[in-house]
Amino acid sequence: MAFNEPANPKVAYLASLGLMDPASLTLDDARAICATALARVPDHRQSEIVRARPTHEQIDMALATARYNDQLDELA
């Protein structure tokens, strides 16, 4: 995802739901929103952020990002 690319409509919708009622989001919804936010960070900063987390969290972050990218591919 390019740094200034518009947000995915589904993720934007989920984010708006989360602002109104955070409890209404599923764990996968929250992860999609977080993966979108992380994708908008410059690559060198992403690496620093991910490396700072424990290994099991790095794996979770990679899986969430992969799920998000798969959703984008399905919408295209």
C-alpha atoms as a PDB file:
ATOM      1  CA  MET A   1       0.000   0.000   0.000  1.00  0.00           C
ATOM      2  CA  ALA A   2       1.400   3.385  -0.931  1.00  0.00           C
ATOM      3  CA  PHE A   3       1.770   5.893   1.891  1.00  0.00           C
ATOM      4  CA  ASN A   4      -0.921   8.287   0.602  1.00  0.00           C
ATOM      5  CA  GLU A   5      -3.269   5.676  -0.845  1.00  0.00           C
ATOM      6  CA  PRO A   6      -6.935   6.110   0.179  1.00  0.00           C
ATOM      7  CA  ALA A   7      -8.198   3.757   2.870  1.00  0.00           C
ATOM      8  CA  ASN A   8      -9.954   0.550   1.937  1.00  0.00           C
ATOM      9  CA  PRO A   9     -13.733   1.241   2.161  1.00  0.00           C
ATOM     10  CA  LYS A  10     -14.307  -1.841   4.330  1.00  0.00           C
ATOM     11  CA  VAL A  11     -11.586  -0.805   6.781  1.00  0.00           C
ATOM     12  CA  ALA A  12     -12.890   2.766   6.841  1.00  0.00           C
ATOM     13  CA  TYR A  13     -16.362   1.422   7.650  1.00  0.00           C
ATOM     14  CA  LEU A  14     -14.957  -0.776  10.433  1.00  0.00           C
ATOM     15  CA  ALA A  15     -13.038   2.182  11.842  1.00  0.00           C
ATOM     16  CA  SER A  16     -16.205   4.276  11.941  1.00  0.00           C
ATOM     17  CA  LEU A  17     -18.024   1.467  13.744  1.00  0.00           C
ATOM     18  CA  GLY A  18     -15.156   1.185  16.211  1.00  0.00           C
ATOM     19  CA  LEU A  19     -15.318   4.893  16.993  1.00  0.00           C
ATOM     20  CA  MET A  20     -19.027   4.658  17.785  1.00  0.00           C
ATOM     21  CA  ASP A  21     -18.935   1.301  19.612  1.00  0.00           C
ATOM     22  CA  PRO A  22     -15.499  -0.296  20.038  1.00  0.00           C
ATOM     23  CA  ALA A  23     -17.063  -3.423  21.567  1.00  0.00           C
ATOM     24  CA  SER A  24     -18.850  -4.105  18.277  1.00  0.00           C
ATOM     25  CA  LEU A  25     -15.568  -4.940  16.500  1.00  0.00           C
ATOM     26  CA  THR A  26     -14.309  -8.486  16.296  1.00  0.00           C
ATOM     27  CA  LEU A  27     -10.642  -9.250  16.887  1.00  0.00           C
ATOM     28  CA  ASP A  28     -10.155  -9.671  13.120  1.00  0.00           C
ATOM     29  CA  ASP A  29     -11.814  -6.288  12.514  1.00  0.00           C
ATOM     30  CA  ALA A  30      -9.453  -4.593  14.956  1.00  0.00           C
ATOM     31  CA  ARG A  31      -6.476  -6.356  13.395  1.00  0.00           C
ATOM     32  CA  ALA A  32      -7.525  -5.180   9.916  1.00  0.00           C
ATOM     33  CA  ILE A  33      -7.654  -1.602  11.144  1.00  0.00           C
ATOM     34  CA  CYS A  34      -4.264  -1.939  12.849  1.00  0.00           C
ATOM     35  CA  ALA A  35      -2.703  -3.582   9.794  1.00  0.00           C
ATOM     36  CA  THR A  36      -3.946  -0.669   7.707  1.00  0.00           C
ATOM     37  CA  ALA A  37      -2.388   1.821  10.102  1.00  0.00           C
ATOM     38  CA  LEU A  38       0.919  -0.059  10.140  1.00  0.00           C
ATOM     39  CA  ALA A  39       0.913  -0.283   6.334  1.00  0.00           C
ATOM     40  CA  ARG A  40       0.838   3.519   6.192  1.00  0.00           C
ATOM     41  CA  VAL A  41       4.062   3.842   8.202  1.00  0.00           C
ATOM     42  CA  PRO A  42       7.276   4.203   6.147  1.00  0.00           C
ATOM     43  CA  ASP A  43       9.073   0.876   5.603  1.00  0.00           C
ATOM     44  CA  HIS A  44      12.088   1.682   7.765  1.00  0.00           C
ATOM     45  CA  ARG A  45       9.809   2.607  10.675  1.00  0.00           C
ATOM     46  CA  GLN A  46       7.684  -0.548  10.189  1.00  0.00           C
ATOM     47  CA  SER A  47      10.804  -2.667  10.596  1.00  0.00           C
ATOM     48  CA  GLU A  48      11.736  -0.878  13.827  1.00  0.00           C
ATOM     49  CA  ILE A  49       8.224  -1.270  15.223  1.00  0.00           C
ATOM     50  CA  VAL A  50       8.014  -4.968  14.390  1.00  0.00           C
ATOM     51  CA  ARG A  51      11.521  -5.786  15.668  1.00  0.00           C
ATOM     52  CA  ALA A  52      10.697  -4.126  19.002  1.00  0.00           C
ATOM     53  CA  ARG A  53       7.918  -6.675  19.665  1.00  0.00           C
ATOM     54  CA  PRO A  54       8.366 -10.243  20.993  1.00  0.00           C
ATOM     55  CA  THR A  55       8.643 -12.953  18.334  1.00  0.00           C
ATOM     56  CA  HIS A  56       5.115 -14.298  18.857  1.00  0.00           C
ATOM     57  CA  GLU A  57       3.701 -10.792  18.381  1.00  0.00           C
ATOM     58  CA  GLN A  58       5.802 -10.328  15.234  1.00  0.00           C
ATOM     59  CA  ILE A  59       4.183 -13.481  13.837  1.00  0.00           C
ATOM     60  CA  ASP A  60       0.702 -12.210  14.762  1.00  0.00           C
ATOM     61  CA  MET A  61       1.454  -8.886  13.069  1.00  0.00           C
ATOM     62  CA  ALA A  62       2.656 -10.614   9.902  1.00  0.00           C
ATOM     63  CA  LEU A  63      -0.447 -12.817   9.796  1.00  0.00           C
ATOM     64  CA  ALA A  64      -2.785  -9.857  10.315  1.00  0.00           C
ATOM     65  CA  THR A  65      -1.046  -7.935   7.540  1.00  0.00           C
ATOM     66  CA  ALA A  66      -1.266 -10.961   5.211  1.00  0.00           C
ATOM     67  CA  ARG A  67      -4.999 -11.318   5.957  1.00  0.00           C
ATOM     68  CA  TYR A  68      -5.487  -7.625   5.222  1.00  0.00           C
ATOM     69  CA  ASN A  69      -3.596  -7.909   1.925  1.00  0.00           C
ATOM     70  CA  ASP A  70      -5.705 -10.951   0.962  1.00  0.00           C
ATOM     71  CA  GLN A  71      -8.862  -8.937   1.601  1.00  0.00           C
ATOM     72  CA  LEU A  72      -7.563  -6.176  -0.659  1.00  0.00           C
ATOM     73  CA  ASP A  73      -6.860  -8.720  -3.401  1.00  0.00           C
ATOM     74  CA  GLU A  74     -10.416 -10.086  -3.134  1.00  0.00           C
ATOM     75  CA  LEU A  75     -11.874  -6.587  -3.514  1.00  0.00           C
ATOM     76  CA  ALA A  76      -9.770  -5.803  -6.591  1.00  0.00           C
END
